[in-house]
Amino acid sequence: MTIVTKINIFVTRITILCFSPNLKSGAHGT
């Protein structure tokens, strides 16, 4: 894999980790 590919996968995983809990607990309004 190229460096760009690794960065893209890393960013995607972080985005999923960040948004998945936010969608579930969005009502709490952190």
N, C-alpha and C. Protein backbone atom coordinates (compact mmCIF):
# COMPACT_ATOMS: atom_id res chain seq x y z
N MET A 1 0.83 -1.20 0.00
CA MET A 1 0.00 0.00 0.00
C MET A 1 0.87 1.26 0.00
N THR A 2 0.35 2.29 -0.64
CA THR A 2 1.08 3.55 -0.64
C THR A 2 0.79 4.30 0.66
N ILE A 3 1.58 5.34 0.91
CA ILE A 3 1.38 6.14 2.12
C ILE A 3 0.00 6.80 2.09
N VAL A 4 -0.40 7.25 0.91
CA VAL A 4 -1.70 7.91 0.78
C VAL A 4 -2.82 6.95 1.15
N THR A 5 -2.70 5.72 0.69
CA THR A 5 -3.72 4.72 1.00
C THR A 5 -3.81 4.48 2.49
N LYS A 6 -2.66 4.38 3.15
CA LYS A 6 -2.65 4.16 4.60
C LYS A 6 -3.30 5.33 5.33
N ILE A 7 -3.02 6.54 4.87
CA ILE A 7 -3.61 7.73 5.50
C ILE A 7 -5.12 7.72 5.29
N ASN A 8 -5.55 7.39 4.09
CA ASN A 8 -6.99 7.37 3.80
C ASN A 8 -7.71 6.37 4.68
N ILE A 9 -7.13 5.18 4.86
CA ILE A 9 -7.74 4.15 5.70
C ILE A 9 -7.76 4.62 7.15
N PHE A 10 -6.67 5.23 7.60
CA PHE A 10 -6.59 5.71 8.97
C PHE A 10 -7.65 6.77 9.24
N VAL A 11 -7.77 7.72 8.32
CA VAL A 11 -8.76 8.79 8.47
C VAL A 11 -10.18 8.22 8.46
N THR A 12 -10.40 7.26 7.58
CA THR A 12 -11.74 6.66 7.50
C THR A 12 -12.10 5.96 8.80
N ARG A 13 -11.14 5.22 9.37
CA ARG A 13 -11.40 4.50 10.63
C ARG A 13 -11.67 5.48 11.75
N ILE A 14 -10.89 6.55 11.82
CA ILE A 14 -11.09 7.56 12.86
C ILE A 14 -12.45 8.22 12.70
N THR A 15 -12.81 8.52 11.45
CA THR A 15 -14.10 9.16 11.19
C THR A 15 -15.24 8.27 11.64
N ILE A 16 -15.16 6.97 11.34
CA ILE A 16 -16.20 6.03 11.75
C ILE A 16 -16.27 5.96 13.26
N LEU A 17 -15.11 5.89 13.92
CA LEU A 17 -15.08 5.80 15.37
C LEU A 17 -15.67 7.06 16.00
N CYS A 18 -15.44 8.20 15.35
CA CYS A 18 -15.92 9.47 15.91
C CYS A 18 -17.42 9.63 15.68
N PHE A 19 -17.88 9.29 14.48
CA PHE A 19 -19.27 9.57 14.14
C PHE A 19 -20.24 8.51 14.65
N SER A 20 -19.81 7.25 14.75
CA SER A 20 -20.72 6.20 15.19
C SER A 20 -21.28 6.46 16.60
N PRO A 21 -20.42 6.76 17.60
CA PRO A 21 -20.92 7.08 18.93
C PRO A 21 -21.72 8.39 18.94
N ASN A 22 -21.32 9.35 18.12
CA ASN A 22 -22.01 10.64 18.09
C ASN A 22 -23.44 10.49 17.59
N LEU A 23 -23.64 9.61 16.61
CA LEU A 23 -24.98 9.40 16.07
C LEU A 23 -25.88 8.75 17.12
N LYS A 24 -25.29 7.87 17.93
CA LYS A 24 -26.08 7.17 18.94
C LYS A 24 -26.37 8.07 20.15
N SER A 25 -25.35 8.84 20.58
CA SER A 25 -25.50 9.67 21.78
C SER A 25 -25.61 11.14 21.41
N GLY A 26 -26.12 11.42 20.22
CA GLY A 26 -26.22 12.81 19.78
C GLY A 26 -27.23 13.59 20.62
N ALA A 27 -28.18 12.87 21.21
CA ALA A 27 -29.22 13.53 22.01
C ALA A 27 -28.62 14.17 23.25
N HIS A 28 -27.50 13.61 23.73
CA HIS A 28 -26.87 14.15 24.94
C HIS A 28 -26.20 15.48 24.64
N GLY A 29 -25.85 15.72 23.39
CA GLY A 29 -25.26 17.00 23.00
C GLY A 29 -23.97 17.30 23.72
N THR A 30 -22.92 16.53 23.44
CA THR A 30 -21.63 16.76 24.09
C THR A 30 -21.00 18.05 23.57
